[in-house]
Amino acid sequence: MGLMRLIPAMSEPTAQDIMSSPVKTVLPTATIQEARQVLSRSGHAGLCVVSADGQLVGIASRKDIEVSVRHGLAQTSVTGCMSTQLKTALPETSISDIQSLVATYDMGRIPVLTSNGELVGIVTRTDLLRQLQIQPQEQAFSHSSAPPLPTADHLYQQLSLRVTEIWPAMMLLATIAEQRGWSLYLVGGGVRDLD
């Protein structure tokens, strides 16, 4: 009788698994120019503003900081350009819940706070995209019985009933993409509506 190994089910990653930490921060007393310098050195696209006792009070995006500088406000407090309408996550918040926050509220970064409000990390769109790239590879190992992706013939059969006039254009795009070594994907309603 052969040896049987049980592979534990893979649980969904959480904020703690993908967040960046420690988080670059400035005090509310910092000027917009000082915040701009911190962003410039770190290469980040946003900066958390925290009180002296470490409580998150806002986020200043690079875009808002640059607009403020262009308007001659570089020496004013960073609180003048920060957003206080924040959505946050706990370390144990699932990645799918964070993705929903980002998509629903069009936020580029979600601060991760402990239950007592301590800032322990931040999840950015880049972190989420990186995780999305990893997940299909993991799923290939854990879901080997997943249904196969539709073939070009299947797509043609389904789409030709509705959009025969655009099929030649789609094939032209596919040919160009193949010649250039690009991957081409059909997304949105066309894929959703396949039978």
Protein backbone atom coordinates (compact mmCIF):
# COMPACT_ATOMS: atom_id res chain seq x y z
CA MET A 1 0.00 0.00 0.00
CA GLY A 2 1.48 3.36 -1.03
CA LEU A 3 2.14 6.31 1.23
CA MET A 4 -0.64 8.88 1.18
CA ARG A 5 0.05 12.54 2.01
CA LEU A 6 -2.65 14.97 2.94
CA ILE A 7 -2.13 18.41 1.47
CA PRO A 8 -3.74 21.06 3.66
CA ALA A 9 -6.28 23.28 1.96
CA MET A 10 -4.83 26.62 1.01
CA SER A 11 -6.49 29.46 2.87
CA GLU A 12 -6.93 32.85 1.29
CA PRO A 13 -4.04 35.23 1.98
CA THR A 14 -4.66 38.12 4.34
CA ALA A 15 -3.47 41.71 4.55
CA GLN A 16 -0.69 40.61 6.89
CA ASP A 17 0.64 38.24 4.21
CA ILE A 18 1.16 40.90 1.54
CA MET A 19 1.35 44.27 3.32
CA SER A 20 4.44 46.47 3.26
CA SER A 21 5.86 47.25 6.67
CA PRO A 22 7.09 49.46 8.26
CA VAL A 23 5.06 52.26 6.69
CA LYS A 24 6.60 55.60 5.70
CA THR A 25 4.82 58.30 7.71
CA VAL A 26 4.94 61.99 8.51
CA LEU A 27 3.44 64.00 11.36
CA PRO A 28 0.55 66.40 10.68
CA THR A 29 3.00 69.26 11.39
CA ALA A 30 5.14 68.31 8.38
CA THR A 31 4.99 70.64 5.41
CA ILE A 32 3.87 69.50 2.00
CA GLN A 33 7.45 69.99 0.80
CA GLU A 34 8.78 67.71 3.58
CA ALA A 35 6.19 65.07 2.69
CA ARG A 36 7.21 65.40 -0.97
CA GLN A 37 10.86 64.77 -0.03
CA VAL A 38 9.91 61.63 1.94
CA LEU A 39 7.95 60.35 -1.07
CA SER A 40 10.81 61.18 -3.40
CA ARG A 41 13.31 59.23 -1.28
CA SER A 42 11.02 56.25 -0.78
CA GLY A 43 9.57 56.03 -4.28
CA HIS A 44 6.07 55.52 -2.84
CA ALA A 45 2.93 57.00 -4.36
CA GLY A 46 1.33 57.91 -1.05
CA LEU A 47 2.22 58.72 2.53
CA CYS A 48 0.42 58.04 5.81
CA VAL A 49 0.01 60.98 8.16
CA VAL A 50 0.06 59.90 11.81
CA SER A 51 -0.38 61.80 15.06
CA ALA A 52 2.39 62.02 17.68
CA ASP A 53 0.90 58.96 19.42
CA GLY A 54 0.99 56.93 16.19
CA GLN A 55 -2.69 57.12 15.22
CA LEU A 56 -3.48 57.35 11.51
CA VAL A 57 -5.12 60.67 10.67
CA GLY A 58 -4.89 60.76 6.87
CA ILE A 59 -3.13 59.82 3.66
CA ALA A 60 -1.44 62.23 1.27
CA SER A 61 -1.08 60.94 -2.29
CA ARG A 62 1.81 61.96 -4.54
CA LYS A 63 -0.72 63.46 -6.95
CA ASP A 64 -2.30 65.68 -4.27
CA ILE A 65 1.13 66.73 -2.98
CA GLU A 66 2.33 67.69 -6.47
CA VAL A 67 -0.86 69.66 -7.17
CA SER A 68 -0.38 71.54 -3.89
CA VAL A 69 3.24 72.35 -4.74
CA ARG A 70 2.18 73.66 -8.17
CA HIS A 71 -0.28 75.95 -6.41
CA GLY A 72 2.45 77.42 -4.21
CA LEU A 73 1.45 75.56 -1.04
CA ALA A 74 4.72 73.68 -0.47
CA GLN A 75 5.32 75.32 2.92
CA THR A 76 1.84 74.66 4.30
CA SER A 77 0.89 71.69 6.48
CA VAL A 78 0.47 68.32 4.81
CA THR A 79 -2.97 68.16 6.47
CA GLY A 80 -4.15 70.62 3.80
CA CYS A 81 -3.79 68.04 1.03
CA MET A 82 -4.33 64.74 2.82
CA SER A 83 -7.47 62.63 2.56
CA THR A 84 -9.25 61.83 5.79
CA GLN A 85 -11.90 59.63 4.16
CA LEU A 86 -9.97 56.46 4.87
CA LYS A 87 -10.76 52.81 4.41
CA THR A 88 -8.60 50.53 6.50
CA ALA A 89 -8.08 46.82 7.04
CA LEU A 90 -7.09 44.60 9.93
CA PRO A 91 -4.08 42.26 9.56
CA GLU A 92 -6.50 39.33 9.20
CA THR A 93 -8.66 40.98 6.50
CA SER A 94 -8.81 38.76 3.41
CA ILE A 95 -7.25 39.87 0.15
CA SER A 96 -10.63 39.63 -1.62
CA ASP A 97 -12.12 42.06 0.91
CA ILE A 98 -9.22 44.46 0.32
CA GLN A 99 -9.67 44.15 -3.45
CA SER A 100 -13.33 45.08 -2.99
CA LEU A 101 -12.35 48.18 -1.01
CA VAL A 102 -9.83 49.26 -3.64
CA ALA A 103 -12.30 48.71 -6.50
CA THR A 104 -15.32 50.23 -4.77
CA TYR A 105 -13.63 53.36 -3.46
CA ASP A 106 -10.87 53.69 -6.13
CA MET A 107 -8.15 53.76 -3.49
CA GLY A 108 -4.50 53.16 -4.31
CA ARG A 109 -3.56 52.04 -0.80
CA ILE A 110 -5.26 50.54 2.22
CA PRO A 111 -3.63 51.09 5.64
CA VAL A 112 -3.53 48.04 7.90
CA LEU A 113 -4.33 48.79 11.54
CA THR A 114 -4.44 46.59 14.62
CA SER A 115 -7.69 46.46 16.57
CA ASN A 116 -6.39 49.27 18.82
CA GLY A 117 -5.63 51.51 15.82
CA GLU A 118 -1.87 51.01 15.53
CA LEU A 119 -0.60 51.35 11.94
CA VAL A 120 1.31 48.15 11.17
CA GLY A 121 1.37 48.05 7.37
CA ILE A 122 -0.11 49.15 4.08
CA VAL A 123 -1.48 47.23 1.09
CA THR A 124 -1.13 48.96 -2.27
CA ARG A 125 -2.58 48.19 -5.68
CA THR A 126 0.86 46.88 -6.61
CA ASP A 127 0.77 44.42 -3.70
CA LEU A 128 -2.65 43.21 -4.87
CA LEU A 129 -1.51 42.84 -8.48
CA ARG A 130 1.54 40.89 -7.36
CA GLN A 131 -0.72 38.58 -5.34
CA LEU A 132 -3.06 38.09 -8.29
CA GLN A 133 -0.07 37.00 -10.35
CA ILE A 134 0.93 34.44 -7.70
CA GLN A 135 -2.57 33.00 -7.15
CA PRO A 136 -3.03 31.34 -10.57
CA GLN A 137 0.26 29.46 -10.07
CA GLU A 138 -0.87 28.25 -6.65
CA GLN A 139 -4.29 27.32 -7.96
CA ALA A 140 -2.71 25.25 -10.72
CA PHE A 141 -1.25 23.01 -8.03
CA SER A 142 -4.30 22.93 -5.76
CA HIS A 143 -7.03 22.71 -8.43
CA SER A 144 -5.64 20.43 -11.09
CA SER A 145 -9.18 19.32 -11.96
CA ALA A 146 -10.29 22.86 -12.89
CA PRO A 147 -12.18 23.09 -16.18
CA PRO A 148 -10.00 23.88 -19.19
CA LEU A 149 -9.91 27.37 -20.66
CA PRO A 150 -12.09 27.85 -23.74
CA THR A 151 -10.34 27.28 -27.05
CA ALA A 152 -10.36 29.72 -29.96
CA ASP A 153 -12.86 27.44 -31.75
CA HIS A 154 -15.20 27.51 -28.77
CA LEU A 155 -14.91 31.30 -28.57
CA TYR A 156 -15.61 31.57 -32.28
CA GLN A 157 -18.72 29.37 -32.03
CA GLN A 158 -20.09 31.38 -29.12
CA LEU A 159 -19.16 34.82 -30.38
CA SER A 160 -20.09 34.26 -34.00
CA LEU A 161 -23.74 34.06 -33.02
CA ARG A 162 -23.57 37.62 -31.70
CA VAL A 163 -20.60 39.44 -33.19
CA THR A 164 -19.60 37.95 -36.54
CA GLU A 165 -18.69 41.37 -37.82
CA ILE A 166 -15.89 41.85 -35.25
CA TRP A 167 -14.36 38.35 -35.47
CA PRO A 168 -11.93 39.32 -38.31
CA ALA A 169 -10.73 42.31 -36.26
CA MET A 170 -10.22 40.06 -33.24
CA MET A 171 -8.20 37.58 -35.29
CA LEU A 172 -6.07 40.44 -36.71
CA LEU A 173 -5.34 41.64 -33.17
CA ALA A 174 -4.46 38.07 -32.14
CA THR A 175 -2.05 37.75 -35.07
CA ILE A 176 -0.33 41.06 -34.27
CA ALA A 177 -0.07 40.14 -30.60
CA GLU A 178 1.44 36.75 -31.46
CA GLN A 179 4.00 38.35 -33.79
CA ARG A 180 5.09 40.73 -31.04
CA GLY A 181 5.15 38.07 -28.33
CA TRP A 182 2.28 39.61 -26.40
CA SER A 183 -0.44 37.77 -24.50
CA LEU A 184 -3.91 38.80 -25.56
CA TYR A 185 -6.99 38.26 -23.40
CA LEU A 186 -10.69 38.65 -23.94
CA VAL A 187 -12.34 40.01 -20.80
CA GLY A 188 -15.61 41.51 -19.68
CA GLY A 189 -19.08 40.85 -21.01
CA GLY A 190 -17.97 38.71 -23.93
CA VAL A 191 -16.38 36.16 -21.61
CA ARG A 192 -19.15 36.42 -19.02
CA ASP A 193 -21.82 35.71 -21.62
CA LEU A 194 -20.21 32.54 -22.99
CA ASP A 195 -22.46 29.52 -22.52
